[in-house]
Amino acid sequence: MEIEINYKLSAGKNAEDKYILRNKLKSKVEGLDKAYNKIKTSLEKTNKDIIDISSKIVFTKRVLKNKFWFSKFRWFFTTNNFLVIAGRDAKNNELLIKKYMDKNDVYFHADIFGAPHTILKTQIEDVPIIDKKEAACFAASFSSAWKSKIFSVDVYSVSSNQVSKTAQTGESLSTGSFVISGKREYFRKSEIGIYIVFDKKYGVMAIPLISKDFKKYDFYIKVVPGNIKKADISKQIRDILVSKKINASIDEIESILPPGDCNIV
């Protein structure tokens, strides 16, 4: 071991300086030990807090937003997997009929003022009656009947070629309005109400009460006309979804609910 000696000082003075230096270094080492132990204690506490917080985190299934072309409308799939689409407002109704209604599609409309244009997408002529009834109930549920707390309403259907934008001479049609001609098929007292369900592919959906498909989902929430605001019902439904580890925003849920106050059954 090498020790530096100041030859200008006496041996006693050199020894005294080394002793003072030794005490300074010892004090620094002790200070470093204290700082290390303090940091170590703080890290251990932080790690414990992280573990505690992690144990409380709920991991949820992510709900896909606007992934499909029909997401801009109200929609669901019938028992036999036909896509049913309904407009959200006048412009949406106009777009739905003009751009998305095809030759074999079936048109539905609740027999009440203030109802969405609704179409059942199909490539076949003879659609099973169960699918038509489901489409009729869907059209009824998103009509003004919900807001009026009416629990059933008549709905009619026609073929796509019976829906026209051509008004009588001297008349004009407003945005979202169409002329229906010819014989109509009626679905009397179509039930008003929906199930909120979750599908891994399509996310949170609203399907009509007449549908038996709700049984195939992990859970379902029955919603009918009531006296609780949509915003409050949306929060309740969101909490139920979170308990099932499904992540959906309140806005998403509110967007698929019918117009008017609701109750969860």
C-alpha atoms as a PDB file:
ATOM      1  CA  MET A   1       0.000   0.000   0.000  1.00  0.00           C
ATOM      2  CA  GLU A   2       1.364   3.389  -0.986  1.00  0.00           C
ATOM      3  CA  ILE A   3       0.998   6.408   1.330  1.00  0.00           C
ATOM      4  CA  GLU A   4       1.827   9.941   0.272  1.00  0.00           C
ATOM      5  CA  ILE A   5       4.103  11.760   2.748  1.00  0.00           C
ATOM      6  CA  ASN A   6       4.676  15.485   2.795  1.00  0.00           C
ATOM      7  CA  TYR A   7       8.428  15.729   3.369  1.00  0.00           C
ATOM      8  CA  LYS A   8       8.088  19.350   4.488  1.00  0.00           C
ATOM      9  CA  LEU A   9       6.075  18.232   7.540  1.00  0.00           C
ATOM     10  CA  SER A  10       7.134  16.195  10.526  1.00  0.00           C
ATOM     11  CA  ALA A  11       6.129  12.554  10.912  1.00  0.00           C
ATOM     12  CA  GLY A  12       3.625  13.502  13.626  1.00  0.00           C
ATOM     13  CA  LYS A  13       2.017  16.155  11.446  1.00  0.00           C
ATOM     14  CA  ASN A  14       1.789  13.723   8.503  1.00  0.00           C
ATOM     15  CA  ALA A  15       0.131  11.171  10.793  1.00  0.00           C
ATOM     16  CA  GLU A  16      -2.322  13.779  12.076  1.00  0.00           C
ATOM     17  CA  ASP A  17      -3.272  14.859   8.502  1.00  0.00           C
ATOM     18  CA  LYS A  18      -3.821  11.234   7.497  1.00  0.00           C
ATOM     19  CA  TYR A  19      -6.029  10.669  10.526  1.00  0.00           C
ATOM     20  CA  ILE A  20      -8.154  13.749   9.687  1.00  0.00           C
ATOM     21  CA  LEU A  21      -8.428  12.599   6.037  1.00  0.00           C
ATOM     22  CA  ARG A  22      -9.402   9.127   7.193  1.00  0.00           C
ATOM     23  CA  ASN A  23     -12.220  10.557   9.347  1.00  0.00           C
ATOM     24  CA  LYS A  24     -13.494  12.674   6.444  1.00  0.00           C
ATOM     25  CA  LEU A  25     -13.565   9.665   4.128  1.00  0.00           C
ATOM     26  CA  LYS A  26     -15.207   7.539   6.815  1.00  0.00           C
ATOM     27  CA  SER A  27     -17.895  10.221   7.271  1.00  0.00           C
ATOM     28  CA  LYS A  28     -18.539  10.261   3.514  1.00  0.00           C
ATOM     29  CA  VAL A  29     -18.806   6.464   3.396  1.00  0.00           C
ATOM     30  CA  GLU A  30     -21.276   6.523   6.280  1.00  0.00           C
ATOM     31  CA  GLY A  31     -23.262   9.219   4.452  1.00  0.00           C
ATOM     32  CA  LEU A  32     -23.294   7.109   1.309  1.00  0.00           C
ATOM     33  CA  ASP A  33     -24.480   4.108   3.324  1.00  0.00           C
ATOM     34  CA  LYS A  34     -27.339   6.124   4.779  1.00  0.00           C
ATOM     35  CA  ALA A  35     -28.313   7.465   1.330  1.00  0.00           C
ATOM     36  CA  TYR A  36     -28.163   3.936  -0.127  1.00  0.00           C
ATOM     37  CA  ASN A  37     -30.373   2.539   2.643  1.00  0.00           C
ATOM     38  CA  LYS A  38     -32.846   5.413   2.215  1.00  0.00           C
ATOM     39  CA  ILE A  39     -33.043   4.857  -1.561  1.00  0.00           C
ATOM     40  CA  LYS A  40     -33.367   1.104  -1.047  1.00  0.00           C
ATOM     41  CA  THR A  41     -36.254   1.590   1.406  1.00  0.00           C
ATOM     42  CA  SER A  42     -37.947   4.017  -1.011  1.00  0.00           C
ATOM     43  CA  LEU A  43     -37.601   1.566  -3.928  1.00  0.00           C
ATOM     44  CA  GLU A  44     -39.013  -1.286  -1.848  1.00  0.00           C
ATOM     45  CA  LYS A  45     -42.031   0.870  -0.949  1.00  0.00           C
ATOM     46  CA  THR A  46     -42.487   1.926  -4.579  1.00  0.00           C
ATOM     47  CA  ASN A  47     -42.359  -1.697  -5.753  1.00  0.00           C
ATOM     48  CA  LYS A  48     -44.936  -2.639  -3.128  1.00  0.00           C
ATOM     49  CA  ASP A  49     -47.191   0.207  -4.268  1.00  0.00           C
ATOM     50  CA  ILE A  50     -46.838  -0.924  -7.910  1.00  0.00           C
ATOM     51  CA  ILE A  51     -47.771  -4.483  -6.971  1.00  0.00           C
ATOM     52  CA  ASP A  52     -50.779  -3.244  -4.980  1.00  0.00           C
ATOM     53  CA  ILE A  53     -51.958  -1.030  -7.865  1.00  0.00           C
ATOM     54  CA  SER A  54     -51.353  -3.784 -10.456  1.00  0.00           C
ATOM     55  CA  SER A  55     -53.512  -6.179  -8.479  1.00  0.00           C
ATOM     56  CA  LYS A  56     -56.403  -3.709  -8.743  1.00  0.00           C
ATOM     57  CA  ILE A  57     -56.093  -3.074 -12.478  1.00  0.00           C
ATOM     58  CA  VAL A  58     -58.929  -4.603 -14.532  1.00  0.00           C
ATOM     59  CA  PHE A  59     -57.821  -5.682 -18.001  1.00  0.00           C
ATOM     60  CA  THR A  60     -60.679  -5.335 -20.460  1.00  0.00           C
ATOM     61  CA  LYS A  61     -61.488  -6.508 -23.961  1.00  0.00           C
ATOM     62  CA  ARG A  62     -61.083  -3.665 -26.383  1.00  0.00           C
ATOM     63  CA  VAL A  63     -64.212  -2.690 -28.298  1.00  0.00           C
ATOM     64  CA  LEU A  64     -63.508  -1.969 -31.950  1.00  0.00           C
ATOM     65  CA  LYS A  65     -64.923   1.346 -33.156  1.00  0.00           C
ATOM     66  CA  ASN A  66     -66.295   2.065 -36.620  1.00  0.00           C
ATOM     67  CA  LYS A  67     -64.502  -0.888 -38.178  1.00  0.00           C
ATOM     68  CA  PHE A  68     -67.326  -1.790 -40.556  1.00  0.00           C
ATOM     69  CA  TRP A  69     -68.980   0.212 -43.345  1.00  0.00           C
ATOM     70  CA  PHE A  70     -72.378  -0.082 -41.625  1.00  0.00           C
ATOM     71  CA  SER A  71     -71.088   1.329 -38.337  1.00  0.00           C
ATOM     72  CA  LYS A  72     -72.373   4.777 -39.333  1.00  0.00           C
ATOM     73  CA  PHE A  73     -75.934   3.397 -39.050  1.00  0.00           C
ATOM     74  CA  ARG A  74     -77.884   1.498 -36.425  1.00  0.00           C
ATOM     75  CA  TRP A  75     -77.511  -2.192 -37.168  1.00  0.00           C
ATOM     76  CA  PHE A  76     -77.685  -5.814 -36.031  1.00  0.00           C
ATOM     77  CA  PHE A  77     -77.664  -9.338 -37.475  1.00  0.00           C
ATOM     78  CA  THR A  78     -80.819 -11.438 -37.506  1.00  0.00           C
ATOM     79  CA  THR A  79     -81.192 -15.081 -36.457  1.00  0.00           C
ATOM     80  CA  ASN A  80     -80.250 -16.211 -39.969  1.00  0.00           C
ATOM     81  CA  ASN A  81     -77.427 -13.699 -40.165  1.00  0.00           C
ATOM     82  CA  PHE A  82     -79.061 -11.066 -42.359  1.00  0.00           C
ATOM     83  CA  LEU A  83     -77.723  -7.561 -41.783  1.00  0.00           C
ATOM     84  CA  VAL A  84     -80.377  -5.034 -40.755  1.00  0.00           C
ATOM     85  CA  ILE A  85     -79.533  -1.325 -40.970  1.00  0.00           C
ATOM     86  CA  ALA A  86     -81.512   1.712 -39.805  1.00  0.00           C
ATOM     87  CA  GLY A  87     -80.868   5.420 -40.217  1.00  0.00           C
ATOM     88  CA  ARG A  88     -79.929   7.693 -37.314  1.00  0.00           C
ATOM     89  CA  ASP A  89     -81.326  10.976 -38.646  1.00  0.00           C
ATOM     90  CA  ALA A  90     -82.721  12.537 -41.840  1.00  0.00           C
ATOM     91  CA  LYS A  91     -79.368  12.727 -43.656  1.00  0.00           C
ATOM     92  CA  ASN A  92     -78.457   9.238 -42.502  1.00  0.00           C
ATOM     93  CA  ASN A  93     -81.822   7.948 -43.750  1.00  0.00           C
ATOM     94  CA  GLU A  94     -81.257   9.615 -47.129  1.00  0.00           C
ATOM     95  CA  LEU A  95     -77.806   8.053 -47.445  1.00  0.00           C
ATOM     96  CA  LEU A  96     -79.070   4.629 -46.399  1.00  0.00           C
ATOM     97  CA  ILE A  97     -81.784   4.427 -49.060  1.00  0.00           C
ATOM     98  CA  LYS A  98     -79.950   6.138 -51.906  1.00  0.00           C
ATOM     99  CA  LYS A  99     -76.592   4.425 -51.541  1.00  0.00           C
ATOM    100  CA  TYR A 100     -77.039   1.172 -49.657  1.00  0.00           C
ATOM    101  CA  MET A 101     -80.466  -0.239 -50.525  1.00  0.00           C
ATOM    102  CA  ASP A 102     -80.156  -2.909 -53.232  1.00  0.00           C
ATOM    103  CA  LYS A 103     -82.583  -4.814 -55.449  1.00  0.00           C
ATOM    104  CA  ASN A 104     -83.485  -7.729 -53.144  1.00  0.00           C
ATOM    105  CA  ASP A 105     -83.426  -5.740 -49.890  1.00  0.00           C
ATOM    106  CA  VAL A 106     -86.577  -5.466 -47.796  1.00  0.00           C
ATOM    107  CA  TYR A 107     -87.610  -2.030 -46.531  1.00  0.00           C
ATOM    108  CA  PHE A 108     -89.219  -1.542 -43.075  1.00  0.00           C
ATOM    109  CA  HIS A 109     -90.805   1.473 -41.413  1.00  0.00           C
ATOM    110  CA  ALA A 110     -92.765   1.839 -38.183  1.00  0.00           C
ATOM    111  CA  ASP A 111     -96.288   3.102 -38.830  1.00  0.00           C
ATOM    112  CA  ILE A 112     -95.733   6.196 -36.706  1.00  0.00           C
ATOM    113  CA  PHE A 113     -94.384   9.694 -37.317  1.00  0.00           C
ATOM    114  CA  GLY A 114     -90.703   9.813 -36.461  1.00  0.00           C
ATOM    115  CA  ALA A 115     -89.203   6.460 -37.393  1.00  0.00           C
ATOM    116  CA  PRO A 116     -85.975   5.443 -39.153  1.00  0.00           C
ATOM    117  CA  HIS A 117     -85.813   3.937 -42.609  1.00  0.00           C
ATOM    118  CA  THR A 118     -84.743   0.351 -42.038  1.00  0.00           C
ATOM    119  CA  ILE A 119     -83.537  -2.200 -44.566  1.00  0.00           C
ATOM    120  CA  LEU A 120     -82.872  -5.906 -44.327  1.00  0.00           C
ATOM    121  CA  LYS A 121     -79.933  -6.759 -46.602  1.00  0.00           C
ATOM    122  CA  THR A 122     -80.491  -9.974 -48.538  1.00  0.00           C
ATOM    123  CA  GLN A 123     -79.697 -11.703 -51.822  1.00  0.00           C
ATOM    124  CA  ILE A 124     -82.725 -13.992 -51.692  1.00  0.00           C
ATOM    125  CA  GLU A 125     -86.394 -13.344 -52.478  1.00  0.00           C
ATOM    126  CA  ASP A 126     -88.026 -15.370 -49.688  1.00  0.00           C
ATOM    127  CA  VAL A 127     -86.658 -14.105 -46.379  1.00  0.00           C
ATOM    128  CA  PRO A 128     -87.690 -16.263 -43.367  1.00  0.00           C
ATOM    129  CA  ILE A 129     -90.485 -14.703 -41.336  1.00  0.00           C
ATOM    130  CA  ILE A 130     -88.449 -14.710 -38.109  1.00  0.00           C
ATOM    131  CA  ASP A 131     -85.849 -12.423 -39.683  1.00  0.00           C
ATOM    132  CA  LYS A 132     -88.548 -10.082 -40.948  1.00  0.00           C
ATOM    133  CA  LYS A 133     -90.146  -9.912 -37.494  1.00  0.00           C
ATOM    134  CA  GLU A 134     -86.785  -9.106 -35.938  1.00  0.00           C
ATOM    135  CA  ALA A 135     -86.207  -6.313 -38.468  1.00  0.00           C
ATOM    136  CA  ALA A 136     -89.715  -4.971 -37.766  1.00  0.00           C
ATOM    137  CA  CYS A 137     -89.079  -4.887 -33.996  1.00  0.00           C
ATOM    138  CA  PHE A 138     -85.759  -3.152 -34.587  1.00  0.00           C
ATOM    139  CA  ALA A 139     -87.491  -0.499 -36.728  1.00  0.00           C
ATOM    140  CA  ALA A 140     -90.134  -0.077 -34.020  1.00  0.00           C
ATOM    141  CA  SER A 141     -87.651   0.225 -31.161  1.00  0.00           C
ATOM    142  CA  PHE A 142     -85.745   3.101 -32.739  1.00  0.00           C
ATOM    143  CA  SER A 143     -88.873   5.069 -33.585  1.00  0.00           C
ATOM    144  CA  SER A 144     -90.529   7.877 -31.620  1.00  0.00           C
ATOM    145  CA  ALA A 145     -92.682   5.215 -29.941  1.00  0.00           C
ATOM    146  CA  TRP A 146     -89.832   4.606 -27.485  1.00  0.00           C
ATOM    147  CA  LYS A 147     -89.775   8.211 -26.331  1.00  0.00           C
ATOM    148  CA  SER A 148     -93.572   8.084 -25.946  1.00  0.00           C
ATOM    149  CA  LYS A 149     -93.191   4.942 -23.770  1.00  0.00           C
ATOM    150  CA  ILE A 150     -95.260   2.860 -26.182  1.00  0.00           C
ATOM    151  CA  PHE A 151     -94.328  -0.815 -25.921  1.00  0.00           C
ATOM    152  CA  SER A 152     -95.541  -1.983 -29.307  1.00  0.00           C
ATOM    153  CA  VAL A 153     -96.301  -0.404 -32.674  1.00  0.00           C
ATOM    154  CA  ASP A 154     -97.289  -1.583 -36.155  1.00  0.00           C
ATOM    155  CA  VAL A 155     -94.514  -1.831 -38.725  1.00  0.00           C
ATOM    156  CA  TYR A 156     -94.868  -2.364 -42.463  1.00  0.00           C
ATOM    157  CA  SER A 157     -92.450  -3.656 -45.085  1.00  0.00           C
ATOM    158  CA  VAL A 158     -92.200  -3.365 -48.869  1.00  0.00           C
ATOM    159  CA  SER A 159     -89.717  -4.411 -51.518  1.00  0.00           C
ATOM    160  CA  SER A 160     -86.961  -1.984 -52.442  1.00  0.00           C
ATOM    161  CA  ASN A 161     -88.553  -1.083 -55.790  1.00  0.00           C
ATOM    162  CA  GLN A 162     -91.585   0.309 -53.934  1.00  0.00           C
ATOM    163  CA  VAL A 163     -89.454   3.039 -52.340  1.00  0.00           C
ATOM    164  CA  SER A 164     -88.955   6.116 -54.487  1.00  0.00           C
ATOM    165  CA  LYS A 165     -87.673   9.663 -54.252  1.00  0.00           C
ATOM    166  CA  THR A 166     -90.080  10.768 -56.984  1.00  0.00           C
ATOM    167  CA  ALA A 167     -92.838  12.991 -55.623  1.00  0.00           C
ATOM    168  CA  GLN A 168     -96.112  13.854 -57.283  1.00  0.00           C
ATOM    169  CA  THR A 169     -96.140  16.727 -59.757  1.00  0.00           C
ATOM    170  CA  GLY A 170     -95.716  20.047 -58.007  1.00  0.00           C
ATOM    171  CA  GLU A 171     -94.502  18.479 -54.779  1.00  0.00           C
ATOM    172  CA  SER A 172     -91.024  18.025 -53.331  1.00  0.00           C
ATOM    173  CA  LEU A 173     -89.606  15.684 -50.729  1.00  0.00           C
ATOM    174  CA  SER A 174     -87.456  16.837 -47.840  1.00  0.00           C
ATOM    175  CA  THR A 175     -84.175  15.167 -46.902  1.00  0.00           C
ATOM    176  CA  GLY A 176     -84.823  11.672 -45.604  1.00  0.00           C
ATOM    177  CA  SER A 177     -88.349  11.488 -47.068  1.00  0.00           C
ATOM    178  CA  PHE A 178     -89.401   8.901 -49.656  1.00  0.00           C
ATOM    179  CA  VAL A 179     -92.602   7.803 -51.371  1.00  0.00           C
ATOM    180  CA  ILE A 180     -93.882   4.285 -50.610  1.00  0.00           C
ATOM    181  CA  SER A 181     -96.176   2.756 -53.223  1.00  0.00           C
ATOM    182  CA  GLY A 182     -98.065  -0.508 -53.639  1.00  0.00           C
ATOM    183  CA  LYS A 183     -99.123  -3.210 -51.175  1.00  0.00           C
ATOM    184  CA  ARG A 184     -97.523  -3.325 -47.730  1.00  0.00           C
ATOM    185  CA  GLU A 185     -96.875  -6.292 -45.444  1.00  0.00           C
ATOM    186  CA  TYR A 186     -97.743  -5.412 -41.856  1.00  0.00           C
ATOM    187  CA  PHE A 187     -96.189  -6.683 -38.642  1.00  0.00           C
ATOM    188  CA  ARG A 188     -98.759  -5.771 -36.036  1.00  0.00           C
ATOM    189  CA  LYS A 189     -97.799  -4.758 -32.509  1.00  0.00           C
ATOM    190  CA  SER A 190     -94.073  -5.216 -33.021  1.00  0.00           C
ATOM    191  CA  GLU A 191     -92.422  -5.327 -29.596  1.00  0.00           C
ATOM    192  CA  ILE A 192     -90.322  -2.381 -28.498  1.00  0.00           C
ATOM    193  CA  GLY A 193     -87.184  -3.085 -26.491  1.00  0.00           C
ATOM    194  CA  ILE A 194     -83.609  -4.265 -26.999  1.00  0.00           C
ATOM    195  CA  TYR A 195     -80.903  -6.469 -25.566  1.00  0.00           C
ATOM    196  CA  ILE A 196     -77.415  -5.019 -25.194  1.00  0.00           C
ATOM    197  CA  VAL A 197     -74.949  -7.795 -25.998  1.00  0.00           C
ATOM    198  CA  PHE A 198     -71.224  -8.092 -26.739  1.00  0.00           C
ATOM    199  CA  ASP A 199     -69.634  -9.898 -29.666  1.00  0.00           C
ATOM    200  CA  LYS A 200     -65.862 -10.363 -30.018  1.00  0.00           C
ATOM    201  CA  LYS A 201     -65.975  -9.399 -33.698  1.00  0.00           C
ATOM    202  CA  TYR A 202     -68.542  -6.594 -33.695  1.00  0.00           C
ATOM    203  CA  GLY A 203     -68.281  -5.219 -30.163  1.00  0.00           C
ATOM    204  CA  VAL A 204     -71.264  -3.895 -28.197  1.00  0.00           C
ATOM    205  CA  MET A 205     -74.551  -4.302 -30.086  1.00  0.00           C
ATOM    206  CA  ALA A 206     -78.284  -3.696 -29.686  1.00  0.00           C
ATOM    207  CA  ILE A 207     -80.599  -6.493 -30.855  1.00  0.00           C
ATOM    208  CA  PRO A 208     -84.429  -6.615 -30.688  1.00  0.00           C
ATOM    209  CA  LEU A 209     -86.176  -8.413 -27.832  1.00  0.00           C
ATOM    210  CA  ILE A 210     -87.836 -10.856 -30.222  1.00  0.00           C
ATOM    211  CA  SER A 211     -84.401 -12.200 -31.154  1.00  0.00           C
ATOM    212  CA  LYS A 212     -83.428 -15.487 -29.515  1.00  0.00           C
ATOM    213  CA  ASP A 213     -79.782 -14.899 -30.360  1.00  0.00           C
ATOM    214  CA  PHE A 214     -79.153 -13.157 -27.037  1.00  0.00           C
ATOM    215  CA  LYS A 215     -78.778 -16.607 -25.454  1.00  0.00           C
ATOM    216  CA  LYS A 216     -75.577 -17.279 -27.390  1.00  0.00           C
ATOM    217  CA  TYR A 217     -73.739 -14.330 -25.828  1.00  0.00           C
ATOM    218  CA  ASP A 218     -71.831 -14.413 -22.540  1.00  0.00           C
ATOM    219  CA  PHE A 219     -74.264 -11.909 -21.089  1.00  0.00           C
ATOM    220  CA  TYR A 220     -77.161  -9.693 -22.086  1.00  0.00           C
ATOM    221  CA  ILE A 221     -78.822  -6.590 -20.685  1.00  0.00           C
ATOM    222  CA  LYS A 222     -82.519  -6.041 -21.363  1.00  0.00           C
ATOM    223  CA  VAL A 223     -83.477  -2.407 -21.929  1.00  0.00           C
ATOM    224  CA  VAL A 224     -87.030  -1.066 -22.389  1.00  0.00           C
ATOM    225  CA  PRO A 225     -88.690   2.365 -22.440  1.00  0.00           C
ATOM    226  CA  GLY A 226     -88.585   3.871 -18.944  1.00  0.00           C
ATOM    227  CA  ASN A 227     -87.838   6.967 -16.902  1.00  0.00           C
ATOM    228  CA  ILE A 228     -84.050   6.993 -16.524  1.00  0.00           C
ATOM    229  CA  LYS A 229     -82.009   9.297 -18.738  1.00  0.00           C
ATOM    230  CA  LYS A 230     -79.928   7.676 -21.481  1.00  0.00           C
ATOM    231  CA  ALA A 231     -76.721   9.099 -20.011  1.00  0.00           C
ATOM    232  CA  ASP A 232     -77.436   7.480 -16.626  1.00  0.00           C
ATOM    233  CA  ILE A 233     -78.467   4.150 -18.170  1.00  0.00           C
ATOM    234  CA  SER A 234     -75.295   4.243 -20.293  1.00  0.00           C
ATOM    235  CA  LYS A 235     -73.197   4.579 -17.121  1.00  0.00           C
ATOM    236  CA  GLN A 236     -75.003   1.620 -15.534  1.00  0.00           C
ATOM    237  CA  ILE A 237     -74.457  -0.498 -18.629  1.00  0.00           C
ATOM    238  CA  ARG A 238     -70.806   0.586 -18.793  1.00  0.00           C
ATOM    239  CA  ASP A 239     -70.306  -0.561 -15.199  1.00  0.00           C
ATOM    240  CA  ILE A 240     -71.852  -3.949 -16.013  1.00  0.00           C
ATOM    241  CA  LEU A 241     -69.563  -4.291 -19.043  1.00  0.00           C
ATOM    242  CA  VAL A 242     -66.506  -3.383 -16.959  1.00  0.00           C
ATOM    243  CA  SER A 243     -67.480  -6.083 -14.447  1.00  0.00           C
ATOM    244  CA  LYS A 244     -67.347  -8.485 -17.413  1.00  0.00           C
ATOM    245  CA  LYS A 245     -63.915  -7.075 -18.342  1.00  0.00           C
ATOM    246  CA  ILE A 246     -65.255  -5.412 -21.483  1.00  0.00           C
ATOM    247  CA  ASN A 247     -64.182  -1.865 -22.266  1.00  0.00           C
ATOM    248  CA  ALA A 248     -66.786   0.384 -23.871  1.00  0.00           C
ATOM    249  CA  SER A 249     -67.182   4.135 -23.477  1.00  0.00           C
ATOM    250  CA  ILE A 250     -70.365   5.770 -22.248  1.00  0.00           C
ATOM    251  CA  ASP A 251     -70.648   7.583 -25.595  1.00  0.00           C
ATOM    252  CA  GLU A 252     -70.478   4.268 -27.495  1.00  0.00           C
ATOM    253  CA  ILE A 253     -73.204   2.751 -25.374  1.00  0.00           C
ATOM    254  CA  GLU A 254     -75.405   5.830 -25.599  1.00  0.00           C
ATOM    255  CA  SER A 255     -75.052   5.817 -29.395  1.00  0.00           C
ATOM    256  CA  ILE A 256     -76.654   2.361 -29.702  1.00  0.00           C
ATOM    257  CA  LEU A 257     -79.554   3.080 -27.346  1.00  0.00           C
ATOM    258  CA  PRO A 258     -82.965   4.124 -28.750  1.00  0.00           C
ATOM    259  CA  PRO A 259     -84.137   7.763 -28.497  1.00  0.00           C
ATOM    260  CA  GLY A 260     -85.654   8.374 -25.088  1.00  0.00           C
ATOM    261  CA  ASP A 261     -85.447   7.434 -21.411  1.00  0.00           C
ATOM    262  CA  CYS A 262     -84.839   3.786 -20.520  1.00  0.00           C
ATOM    263  CA  ASN A 263     -85.046   1.152 -17.816  1.00  0.00           C
ATOM    264  CA  ILE A 264     -82.890  -1.925 -17.343  1.00  0.00           C
ATOM    265  CA  VAL A 265     -85.008  -5.003 -16.702  1.00  0.00           C
END
